[in-house]
Amino acid sequence: MHWRYVLCVVGILVLFLALAMTLPLLVGLWYRDGSVLSLLKSIGVSAVCGVAMYLLFRSEKAEIISQREGMAIVALGWTAVGLFGALPFYMGGEFSSFTDAFFESVSGFTTTGSSILTDIEGISKGLLFWRSMIQWLGGMGIIVLSLAILPFLGVGGMQLYKAEVPSPVPDKLKPRIRDTAKILWQVYALFTVLEAILLALGGMSPFDAVCHAFTTMPTGGFSPKGLSIAAYDSLYFDTIIIIFMLLAGVNFSLHYQMLRGKPLAFWRDSECRFFLGLTALLTAAVTVEIWWHAVYETVGEAFRYGAFQVISILTTTGYATANYEEWPAMSQVILLICMFLGASAGSTGGGMKCLRIMLCLKFCYKELFQLIHPRGVMRLKIAGKPIPEDVMRSVLGFLSLYVLLFAVSAVILAGMGVDFVTAFGAVAATIGNIGPGFGTVGPVENFAMIPEAGKWLLIWCMLLGRLEIYTIIVLLVPEFWRR
């Protein structure tokens, strides 16, 4: 294990984060707000620490990065950017403790969107911009961005890519992993710019438009408004954001194919069809129920608010235009199920991912088939291609660990004095990178009332969810540390 090399790369990531802080610094200078000093201090501390780590550990070079080293770089790198990303919040005096600042930072980078803040509009523009920007950086991935722009991280790039990209089988669009990373970020940036323009054309302020574009495409959900998207009460904004949440929930390799002149790529992909079909089905079910129970006067209104909440939670974005805790029970249960399902593999969404759900359903059907036909042979396939046994084992292992870790975390949080509904909702929202949950962490509340130890537990859940569990949990396996 080349620990010096691992720490050297982490130092480079911290230095890159310091450079990224200059953009919100410019925003703070433009608005002449109180964020300038805290951002300057944070840039200084991050730059000094990053340079120091690089100089101290640069002597060791790695010809090849092993899978263990790739996981260590990603796990430690994400923890480091969460810590240093919290500095502007903490030094700006917006949070009473470093735990709260760290929670907000990790929630941003992991695109969870769970917040501690109670007065969002009272925060300076520079820090609000940083809060949105860290979600944008975390959406496609800090490591993936580094692979795209830092040539000296090219060694063993595929190991880093596989450890960070949220997918059972990461797509490699080009022979060189650096070229794949560039393509993903270019598509991601293109959609972000397009959404910001469309929101601004609808009358949203340029600042709010950029912040919402920065938090929609990574399916993050941080908003510069305390009431989230509900603050605008605009059908136009709801529609634009729904469209881009759906785009963010689709595998980005399909967007690349579409931009290359293959629009049928979406329909030909079985997971994309499953995701869009599931979205339509769940939206229809919620729309009918909230209209039937007279939550809204017209079917159109029921569809507008039902579709937004279903798509927001299914894609794990976490925006809100309604308080779904006031809806009938069936709709709440559907939204809870959406928290576990998630969007497509290769998207910026969290959760279990539709591809894993599809494979699990096919596996269950295969088991039923073989009970009826013990001598029959049935191979699992996706899009006509057989699924290797190691992939199926990985999927079943992931789903088992996901449910187990969710259950254990919910029990521990409840043991800290948190009520059942809140404990259940908070863990589901953080391990799935959703944002709002149920109970006192619902769509119109926040996580400020969670005990301090509980916040650290939820930080752990957010990292587990964003890095697909294995990358984090493997650090607890004794064999990982043995030669």
Protein backbone atom coordinates (compact mmCIF):
# COMPACT_ATOMS: atom_id res chain seq x y z
CA MET A 1 0.00 0.00 0.00
CA HIS A 2 1.59 3.28 -1.15
CA TRP A 3 0.28 5.49 1.65
CA ARG A 4 2.60 8.37 0.85
CA TYR A 5 1.27 8.47 -2.70
CA VAL A 6 -2.32 8.26 -1.43
CA LEU A 7 -1.75 11.25 0.86
CA CYS A 8 0.02 13.14 -1.93
CA VAL A 9 -3.05 12.81 -4.16
CA VAL A 10 -5.33 13.86 -1.29
CA GLY A 11 -3.13 16.95 -0.87
CA ILE A 12 -3.61 17.77 -4.57
CA LEU A 13 -7.38 17.50 -4.15
CA VAL A 14 -7.30 19.88 -1.16
CA LEU A 15 -5.23 22.34 -3.20
CA PHE A 16 -7.73 22.08 -6.04
CA LEU A 17 -10.52 22.82 -3.55
CA ALA A 18 -8.69 25.97 -2.44
CA LEU A 19 -8.59 27.14 -6.06
CA ALA A 20 -12.32 26.39 -6.42
CA MET A 21 -13.05 28.71 -3.48
CA THR A 22 -11.88 31.70 -5.51
CA LEU A 23 -15.14 31.68 -7.50
CA PRO A 24 -17.45 32.23 -4.48
CA LEU A 25 -14.86 34.77 -3.26
CA LEU A 26 -15.46 36.76 -6.46
CA VAL A 27 -19.21 36.50 -5.87
CA GLY A 28 -18.71 37.81 -2.33
CA LEU A 29 -16.64 40.72 -3.64
CA TRP A 30 -19.30 41.49 -6.26
CA TYR A 31 -22.06 41.66 -3.64
CA ARG A 32 -19.75 43.21 -1.02
CA ASP A 33 -21.03 40.87 1.67
CA GLY A 34 -19.53 39.34 4.79
CA SER A 35 -18.26 36.15 3.16
CA VAL A 36 -15.03 37.64 1.79
CA LEU A 37 -12.90 37.33 4.93
CA SER A 38 -14.02 33.79 5.78
CA LEU A 39 -13.39 32.65 2.19
CA LEU A 40 -9.93 34.26 2.14
CA LYS A 41 -9.03 32.50 5.39
CA SER A 42 -10.37 29.20 4.08
CA ILE A 43 -8.44 29.53 0.82
CA GLY A 44 -5.26 30.22 2.78
CA VAL A 45 -5.66 27.28 5.18
CA SER A 46 -6.65 24.85 2.40
CA ALA A 47 -3.83 25.96 0.09
CA VAL A 48 -1.18 25.70 2.81
CA CYS A 49 -2.37 22.24 3.89
CA GLY A 50 -2.69 21.02 0.32
CA VAL A 51 0.77 22.21 -0.70
CA ALA A 52 2.29 20.83 2.52
CA MET A 53 0.80 17.37 1.92
CA TYR A 54 1.96 17.39 -1.69
CA LEU A 55 5.54 18.44 -0.82
CA LEU A 56 5.83 16.03 2.11
CA PHE A 57 4.63 12.94 0.26
CA ARG A 58 5.49 13.58 -3.40
CA SER A 59 8.73 11.56 -3.20
CA GLU A 60 6.86 8.28 -3.65
CA LYS A 61 5.50 7.50 -7.11
CA ALA A 62 3.14 4.67 -8.03
CA GLU A 63 3.51 2.93 -11.37
CA ILE A 64 0.14 1.23 -10.91
CA ILE A 65 -2.62 2.06 -8.43
CA SER A 66 -4.23 -1.03 -6.95
CA GLN A 67 -7.93 -1.29 -6.21
CA ARG A 68 -7.20 -0.84 -2.49
CA GLU A 69 -5.24 2.35 -3.12
CA GLY A 70 -7.97 3.66 -5.43
CA MET A 71 -10.56 3.15 -2.71
CA ALA A 72 -8.31 4.75 -0.10
CA ILE A 73 -7.75 7.84 -2.27
CA VAL A 74 -11.46 8.25 -2.94
CA ALA A 75 -12.58 7.65 0.67
CA LEU A 76 -9.90 9.90 2.20
CA GLY A 77 -10.24 12.47 -0.59
CA TRP A 78 -13.97 12.88 -0.06
CA THR A 79 -13.50 13.12 3.71
CA ALA A 80 -10.80 15.76 3.22
CA VAL A 81 -12.84 17.94 0.83
CA GLY A 82 -15.76 17.69 3.26
CA LEU A 83 -13.55 18.92 6.11
CA PHE A 84 -11.90 21.75 4.20
CA GLY A 85 -15.14 22.62 2.41
CA ALA A 86 -16.67 23.28 5.83
CA LEU A 87 -14.14 26.03 6.63
CA PRO A 88 -16.00 28.90 4.87
CA PHE A 89 -19.20 27.99 6.74
CA TYR A 90 -17.47 27.71 10.10
CA MET A 91 -15.19 30.75 9.75
CA GLY A 92 -18.11 32.81 8.47
CA GLY A 93 -19.91 32.28 11.78
CA GLU A 94 -22.99 30.84 10.09
CA PHE A 95 -22.89 27.68 12.21
CA SER A 96 -22.62 27.31 15.97
CA SER A 97 -20.26 24.32 15.81
CA PHE A 98 -17.83 22.71 13.40
CA THR A 99 -20.05 19.60 13.42
CA ASP A 100 -22.88 21.62 11.85
CA ALA A 101 -20.53 23.16 9.27
CA PHE A 102 -19.07 19.74 8.42
CA PHE A 103 -22.59 18.29 8.12
CA GLU A 104 -23.59 21.03 5.66
CA SER A 105 -20.37 20.58 3.68
CA VAL A 106 -20.64 16.79 3.38
CA SER A 107 -24.34 17.13 2.57
CA GLY A 108 -23.31 19.44 -0.26
CA PHE A 109 -20.46 17.40 -1.71
CA THR A 110 -22.43 14.14 -1.52
CA THR A 111 -25.40 15.96 -3.15
CA THR A 112 -27.64 14.92 -0.27
CA GLY A 113 -29.18 18.34 0.32
CA SER A 114 -30.01 17.84 4.01
CA SER A 115 -29.46 21.14 5.78
CA ILE A 116 -28.84 22.52 9.25
CA LEU A 117 -29.65 26.12 8.27
CA THR A 118 -32.83 27.69 9.59
CA ASP A 119 -32.49 31.12 7.92
CA ILE A 120 -31.13 30.46 4.45
CA GLU A 121 -32.00 33.90 3.05
CA GLY A 122 -29.95 35.47 5.84
CA ILE A 123 -26.71 33.84 4.61
CA SER A 124 -24.28 35.94 2.56
CA LYS A 125 -24.32 35.49 -1.22
CA GLY A 126 -20.74 34.26 -1.34
CA LEU A 127 -21.45 31.40 1.08
CA LEU A 128 -24.76 30.56 -0.61
CA PHE A 129 -22.89 30.31 -3.89
CA TRP A 130 -20.24 28.07 -2.28
CA ARG A 131 -23.05 25.95 -0.81
CA SER A 132 -24.49 25.42 -4.31
CA MET A 133 -21.11 25.05 -5.99
CA ILE A 134 -19.96 22.17 -3.76
CA GLN A 135 -23.02 20.20 -4.84
CA TRP A 136 -22.12 20.80 -8.47
CA LEU A 137 -18.55 19.66 -7.87
CA GLY A 138 -19.70 16.59 -5.98
CA GLY A 139 -22.41 15.63 -8.47
CA MET A 140 -20.18 14.27 -11.22
CA GLY A 141 -17.40 13.63 -8.73
CA ILE A 142 -14.29 15.33 -7.40
CA ILE A 143 -12.08 12.48 -8.57
CA VAL A 144 -13.68 12.34 -12.03
CA LEU A 145 -13.06 16.09 -12.42
CA SER A 146 -9.47 15.60 -11.30
CA LEU A 147 -8.96 12.84 -13.85
CA ALA A 148 -10.25 15.20 -16.53
CA ILE A 149 -8.02 18.18 -15.72
CA LEU A 150 -5.01 16.83 -13.81
CA PRO A 151 -2.82 14.67 -16.08
CA PHE A 152 -0.61 13.41 -13.24
CA LEU A 153 -3.60 11.58 -11.74
CA GLY A 154 -3.83 9.50 -14.90
CA VAL A 155 -1.93 6.62 -13.33
CA GLY A 156 -4.44 4.01 -12.24
CA GLY A 157 -7.29 6.31 -13.23
CA MET A 158 -9.73 3.47 -13.83
CA GLN A 159 -9.40 2.34 -10.20
CA LEU A 160 -10.27 5.84 -9.01
CA TYR A 161 -13.12 6.11 -11.52
CA LYS A 162 -14.64 2.78 -10.46
CA ALA A 163 -14.37 3.68 -6.78
CA GLU A 164 -16.24 6.97 -7.20
CA VAL A 165 -18.74 6.72 -10.09
CA PRO A 166 -22.18 5.68 -8.81
CA SER A 167 -22.84 2.62 -10.97
CA PRO A 168 -22.63 -1.18 -10.66
CA VAL A 169 -20.73 -1.25 -13.98
CA PRO A 170 -19.14 2.16 -14.77
CA ASP A 171 -19.37 3.14 -18.44
CA LYS A 172 -16.08 3.73 -20.20
CA LEU A 173 -16.93 5.94 -23.17
CA LYS A 174 -13.37 6.23 -24.49
CA PRO A 175 -10.28 3.97 -24.31
CA ARG A 176 -8.54 6.54 -22.08
CA ILE A 177 -10.29 7.11 -18.77
CA ARG A 178 -9.22 10.77 -18.82
CA ASP A 179 -11.17 11.27 -22.06
CA THR A 180 -14.23 9.59 -20.53
CA ALA A 181 -14.04 11.93 -17.54
CA LYS A 182 -13.79 14.96 -19.85
CA ILE A 183 -16.85 13.88 -21.84
CA LEU A 184 -18.93 13.35 -18.71
CA TRP A 185 -18.01 16.77 -17.34
CA GLN A 186 -18.62 18.50 -20.68
CA VAL A 187 -22.14 17.05 -20.93
CA TYR A 188 -22.75 17.91 -17.29
CA ALA A 189 -21.58 21.52 -17.76
CA LEU A 190 -23.60 21.92 -20.97
CA PHE A 191 -26.87 20.97 -19.25
CA THR A 192 -26.03 23.18 -16.27
CA VAL A 193 -25.54 26.25 -18.48
CA LEU A 194 -28.69 25.48 -20.46
CA GLU A 195 -30.81 25.20 -17.31
CA ALA A 196 -29.42 28.44 -15.86
CA ILE A 197 -30.29 30.28 -19.09
CA LEU A 198 -33.84 28.89 -19.19
CA LEU A 199 -34.47 29.79 -15.54
CA ALA A 200 -33.13 33.31 -16.07
CA LEU A 201 -35.32 33.75 -19.16
CA GLY A 202 -38.33 32.87 -17.00
CA GLY A 203 -37.62 35.77 -14.65
CA MET A 204 -35.46 34.15 -11.97
CA SER A 205 -32.56 36.33 -10.84
CA PRO A 206 -29.20 35.39 -12.40
CA PHE A 207 -27.82 34.46 -8.97
CA ASP A 208 -30.74 32.17 -8.13
CA ALA A 209 -30.74 30.70 -11.64
CA VAL A 210 -27.07 29.70 -11.41
CA CYS A 211 -27.47 28.35 -7.88
CA HIS A 212 -30.44 26.20 -8.87
CA ALA A 213 -28.68 24.95 -12.01
CA PHE A 214 -25.69 24.07 -9.82
CA THR A 215 -27.92 22.01 -7.55
CA THR A 216 -30.35 20.45 -10.04
CA MET A 217 -27.90 18.69 -12.35
CA PRO A 218 -26.05 16.98 -9.46
CA THR A 219 -29.49 16.08 -8.02
CA GLY A 220 -28.45 17.96 -4.89
CA GLY A 221 -31.42 20.09 -3.88
CA PHE A 222 -29.79 22.97 -2.01
CA SER A 223 -31.74 26.15 -2.76
CA PRO A 224 -30.96 29.77 -1.87
CA LYS A 225 -34.57 29.98 -0.67
CA GLY A 226 -35.82 28.66 2.65
CA LEU A 227 -39.02 27.36 1.01
CA SER A 228 -37.03 25.73 -1.81
CA ILE A 229 -38.76 25.90 -5.23
CA ALA A 230 -42.11 26.55 -3.51
CA ALA A 231 -40.87 30.10 -2.85
CA TYR A 232 -41.39 30.98 -6.54
CA ASP A 233 -44.84 29.36 -6.97
CA SER A 234 -44.22 29.22 -10.73
CA LEU A 235 -45.44 26.54 -13.13
CA TYR A 236 -42.67 27.54 -15.57
CA PHE A 237 -39.89 27.03 -13.02
CA ASP A 238 -41.45 23.76 -11.83
CA THR A 239 -41.54 22.46 -15.41
CA ILE A 240 -37.97 23.45 -16.26
CA ILE A 241 -36.62 21.92 -13.06
CA ILE A 242 -38.64 18.71 -13.57
CA ILE A 243 -37.13 18.32 -17.05
CA PHE A 244 -33.57 18.78 -15.81
CA MET A 245 -34.10 16.53 -12.78
CA LEU A 246 -35.16 13.79 -15.19
CA LEU A 247 -32.12 14.47 -17.40
CA ALA A 248 -29.87 14.26 -14.33
CA GLY A 249 -31.50 10.97 -13.36
CA VAL A 250 -30.63 9.30 -16.67
CA ASN A 251 -27.28 7.63 -17.38
CA PHE A 252 -24.99 10.36 -18.73
CA SER A 253 -23.54 8.04 -21.35
CA LEU A 254 -26.98 8.15 -23.03
CA HIS A 255 -26.84 11.96 -23.13
CA TYR A 256 -23.47 11.69 -24.85
CA GLN A 257 -24.95 9.32 -27.43
CA MET A 258 -27.89 11.68 -27.96
CA LEU A 259 -25.57 14.62 -28.54
CA ARG A 260 -23.74 12.50 -31.10
CA GLY A 261 -26.97 12.14 -33.10
CA LYS A 262 -28.46 9.01 -31.55
CA PRO A 263 -31.73 10.17 -29.90
CA LEU A 264 -33.11 6.60 -29.82
CA ALA A 265 -30.39 5.64 -27.33
CA PHE A 266 -32.79 6.45 -24.49
CA TRP A 267 -35.48 4.09 -25.76
CA ARG A 268 -33.04 1.30 -26.57
CA ASP A 269 -31.64 1.33 -23.04
CA SER A 270 -33.71 -1.01 -20.86
CA GLU A 271 -32.77 0.74 -17.63
CA CYS A 272 -33.83 4.14 -19.03
CA ARG A 273 -37.18 2.68 -20.09
CA PHE A 274 -37.61 1.16 -16.63
CA PHE A 275 -36.73 4.45 -14.91
CA LEU A 276 -39.06 6.58 -17.04
CA GLY A 277 -41.86 3.99 -16.85
CA LEU A 278 -41.52 3.77 -13.08
CA THR A 279 -41.57 7.57 -12.83
CA ALA A 280 -44.76 7.75 -14.89
CA LEU A 281 -46.46 4.99 -12.88
CA LEU A 282 -45.63 6.46 -9.46
CA THR A 283 -46.53 9.99 -10.61
CA ALA A 284 -49.91 8.76 -11.84
CA ALA A 285 -50.60 6.94 -8.56
CA VAL A 286 -49.75 9.97 -6.41
CA THR A 287 -51.65 12.36 -8.69
CA VAL A 288 -54.83 10.31 -8.54
CA GLU A 289 -54.71 9.91 -4.76
CA ILE A 290 -54.04 13.54 -3.84
CA TRP A 291 -56.72 14.65 -6.30
CA TRP A 292 -59.19 12.02 -5.03
CA HIS A 293 -58.65 13.15 -1.43
CA ALA A 294 -59.13 16.80 -2.48
CA VAL A 295 -55.63 17.91 -1.49
CA TYR A 296 -55.78 19.99 -4.69
CA GLU A 297 -58.87 21.26 -6.46
CA THR A 298 -58.01 20.21 -10.01
CA VAL A 299 -56.28 17.25 -11.65
CA GLY A 300 -53.82 19.68 -13.22
CA GLU A 301 -52.70 20.99 -9.84
CA ALA A 302 -52.49 17.47 -8.43
CA PHE A 303 -50.33 16.41 -11.38
CA ARG A 304 -48.09 19.47 -11.09
CA TYR A 305 -47.28 18.97 -7.40
CA GLY A 306 -47.42 15.18 -7.45
CA ALA A 307 -45.03 14.90 -10.41
CA PHE A 308 -42.57 17.37 -8.91
CA GLN A 309 -42.34 15.59 -5.55
CA VAL A 310 -42.12 12.09 -7.08
CA ILE A 311 -39.42 13.09 -9.57
CA SER A 312 -37.53 15.15 -7.00
CA ILE A 313 -37.29 12.22 -4.58
CA LEU A 314 -36.91 9.43 -7.15
CA THR A 315 -33.95 11.26 -8.71
CA THR A 316 -32.76 12.03 -5.13
CA THR A 317 -32.72 15.79 -5.82
CA GLY A 318 -34.76 16.76 -2.78
CA TYR A 319 -36.37 20.01 -3.93
CA ALA A 320 -39.87 20.64 -2.60
CA THR A 321 -42.91 22.55 -3.84
CA ALA A 322 -45.33 21.05 -1.30
CA ASN A 323 -45.38 19.59 2.20
CA TYR A 324 -45.91 15.94 1.32
CA GLU A 325 -46.29 15.03 5.00
CA GLU A 326 -49.79 16.49 4.77
CA TRP A 327 -50.69 14.17 1.89
CA PRO A 328 -52.65 10.90 2.27
CA ALA A 329 -50.81 7.84 3.59
CA MET A 330 -50.43 6.00 0.26
CA SER A 331 -48.67 8.96 -1.36
CA GLN A 332 -46.28 9.24 1.59
CA VAL A 333 -45.48 5.52 1.36
CA ILE A 334 -44.80 5.88 -2.38
CA LEU A 335 -42.41 8.77 -1.71
CA LEU A 336 -40.68 6.71 0.99
CA ILE A 337 -40.21 3.86 -1.52
CA CYS A 338 -38.80 6.38 -4.01
CA MET A 339 -36.12 7.27 -1.44
CA PHE A 340 -34.77 3.73 -1.66
CA LEU A 341 -35.16 3.18 -5.42
CA GLY A 342 -33.14 6.08 -6.79
CA ALA A 343 -32.43 6.96 -10.43
CA SER A 344 -30.37 5.30 -13.16
CA ALA A 345 -26.85 3.95 -12.80
CA GLY A 346 -24.34 6.39 -14.29
CA SER A 347 -26.54 9.36 -13.35
CA THR A 348 -25.85 11.84 -10.58
CA GLY A 349 -28.69 10.38 -8.49
CA GLY A 350 -28.33 8.33 -5.32
CA GLY A 351 -30.34 5.45 -3.87
CA MET A 352 -30.08 1.81 -4.87
CA LYS A 353 -30.29 2.60 -8.62
CA CYS A 354 -32.82 1.23 -11.11
CA LEU A 355 -30.28 -1.13 -12.70
CA ARG A 356 -29.78 -2.96 -9.41
CA ILE A 357 -33.54 -3.13 -8.83
CA MET A 358 -34.01 -4.60 -12.33
CA LEU A 359 -31.30 -7.20 -11.77
CA CYS A 360 -32.74 -8.12 -8.37
CA LEU A 361 -36.22 -8.59 -9.86
CA LYS A 362 -34.81 -10.73 -12.66
CA PHE A 363 -32.89 -12.82 -10.14
CA CYS A 364 -36.06 -13.37 -8.07
CA TYR A 365 -37.95 -14.39 -11.21
CA LYS A 366 -35.16 -16.80 -12.11
CA GLU A 367 -35.40 -18.43 -8.67
CA LEU A 368 -39.18 -18.84 -9.07
CA PHE A 369 -38.69 -20.23 -12.57
CA GLN A 370 -36.23 -22.84 -11.32
CA LEU A 371 -38.61 -23.89 -8.54
CA ILE A 372 -41.13 -24.74 -11.25
CA HIS A 373 -38.55 -26.12 -13.71
CA PRO A 374 -35.68 -27.52 -11.58
CA ARG A 375 -33.79 -28.74 -14.64
CA GLY A 376 -34.42 -25.62 -16.67
CA VAL A 377 -31.63 -23.23 -17.56
CA MET A 378 -32.31 -19.50 -17.43
CA ARG A 379 -29.63 -16.87 -17.82
CA LEU A 380 -29.96 -13.35 -16.49
CA LYS A 381 -29.73 -10.77 -19.25
CA ILE A 382 -29.95 -7.01 -19.63
CA ALA A 383 -30.48 -5.62 -23.14
CA GLY A 384 -29.87 -9.12 -24.52
CA LYS A 385 -26.46 -9.41 -22.85
CA PRO A 386 -25.82 -12.01 -20.13
CA ILE A 387 -24.99 -10.69 -16.67
CA PRO A 388 -21.68 -12.04 -15.28
CA GLU A 389 -21.98 -13.85 -11.96
CA ASP A 390 -19.53 -11.48 -10.24
CA VAL A 391 -21.73 -8.49 -11.17
CA MET A 392 -24.82 -10.25 -9.82
CA ARG A 393 -23.00 -11.09 -6.60
CA SER A 394 -21.90 -7.48 -6.26
CA VAL A 395 -25.48 -6.24 -6.78
CA LEU A 396 -26.97 -8.63 -4.22
CA GLY A 397 -24.17 -7.81 -1.77
CA PHE A 398 -24.76 -4.09 -2.24
CA LEU A 399 -28.53 -4.36 -1.69
CA SER A 400 -28.00 -6.51 1.42
CA LEU A 401 -25.46 -4.08 2.88
CA TYR A 402 -27.68 -1.09 2.01
CA VAL A 403 -30.67 -2.51 3.91
CA LEU A 404 -28.50 -3.70 6.82
CA LEU A 405 -26.70 -0.38 7.24
CA PHE A 406 -29.99 1.51 6.95
CA ALA A 407 -31.56 -0.63 9.69
CA VAL A 408 -28.56 -0.41 12.04
CA SER A 409 -28.21 3.36 11.55
CA ALA A 410 -31.94 3.94 12.16
CA VAL A 411 -31.78 1.90 15.38
CA ILE A 412 -28.72 3.83 16.61
CA LEU A 413 -30.32 7.19 15.80
CA ALA A 414 -33.53 6.18 17.57
CA GLY A 415 -31.38 5.15 20.55
CA MET A 416 -30.18 8.76 20.77
CA GLY A 417 -33.71 9.90 21.61
CA VAL A 418 -34.92 10.67 18.06
CA ASP A 419 -38.52 9.60 17.44
CA PHE A 420 -39.23 6.60 15.18
CA VAL A 421 -40.56 8.49 12.13
CA THR A 422 -37.71 11.03 12.19
CA ALA A 423 -35.01 8.37 12.71
CA PHE A 424 -36.42 6.27 9.86
CA GLY A 425 -36.79 9.28 7.55
CA ALA A 426 -33.44 10.89 8.39
CA VAL A 427 -31.42 7.74 7.68
CA ALA A 428 -33.38 6.99 4.49
CA ALA A 429 -32.81 10.58 3.32
CA THR A 430 -29.07 10.61 4.04
CA ILE A 431 -28.00 7.13 2.95
CA GLY A 432 -30.03 7.64 -0.24
CA ASN A 433 -28.64 11.19 -0.68
CA ILE A 434 -32.21 12.53 -0.87
CA GLY A 435 -32.26 15.60 1.40
CA PRO A 436 -35.61 15.94 3.20
CA GLY A 437 -37.08 12.98 5.05
CA PHE A 438 -40.08 12.53 7.32
CA GLY A 439 -40.96 13.71 10.82
CA THR A 440 -38.94 16.65 12.12
CA VAL A 441 -36.63 16.43 9.07
CA GLY A 442 -39.46 16.73 6.55
CA PRO A 443 -39.68 19.07 3.53
CA VAL A 444 -40.52 22.16 5.60
CA GLU A 445 -38.10 21.39 8.47
CA ASN A 446 -34.35 20.74 8.69
CA PHE A 447 -31.78 18.65 10.55
CA ALA A 448 -30.85 21.26 13.18
CA MET A 449 -32.65 19.39 15.98
CA ILE A 450 -30.76 16.10 15.44
CA PRO A 451 -28.32 15.43 18.37
CA GLU A 452 -24.66 16.15 17.63
CA ALA A 453 -23.71 12.45 17.73
CA GLY A 454 -26.63 11.79 15.40
CA LYS A 455 -25.28 14.33 12.91
CA TRP A 456 -21.96 12.45 12.77
CA LEU A 457 -23.88 9.23 12.17
CA LEU A 458 -25.78 10.87 9.31
CA ILE A 459 -22.53 12.26 7.85
CA TRP A 460 -21.31 8.67 7.74
CA CYS A 461 -24.57 7.65 6.01
CA MET A 462 -24.17 10.41 3.41
CA LEU A 463 -20.66 9.26 2.51
CA LEU A 464 -21.82 5.63 2.39
CA GLY A 465 -24.59 6.52 -0.03
CA ARG A 466 -22.54 8.76 -2.33
CA LEU A 467 -19.61 6.35 -2.63
CA GLU A 468 -21.84 3.30 -3.12
CA ILE A 469 -21.12 1.77 0.32
CA TYR A 470 -18.25 -0.53 -0.72
CA THR A 471 -15.66 2.25 -1.03
CA ILE A 472 -16.29 3.35 2.57
CA ILE A 473 -17.21 0.11 4.31
CA VAL A 474 -14.18 -1.74 2.93
CA LEU A 475 -11.98 0.47 5.14
CA LEU A 476 -13.46 -1.36 8.15
CA VAL A 477 -12.47 -4.80 6.86
CA PRO A 478 -9.22 -5.99 8.58
CA GLU A 479 -7.91 -7.56 5.36
CA PHE A 480 -7.85 -4.11 3.73
CA TRP A 481 -4.99 -3.07 6.02
CA ARG A 482 -2.96 -6.26 5.66
CA ARG A 483 -0.28 -6.75 3.05
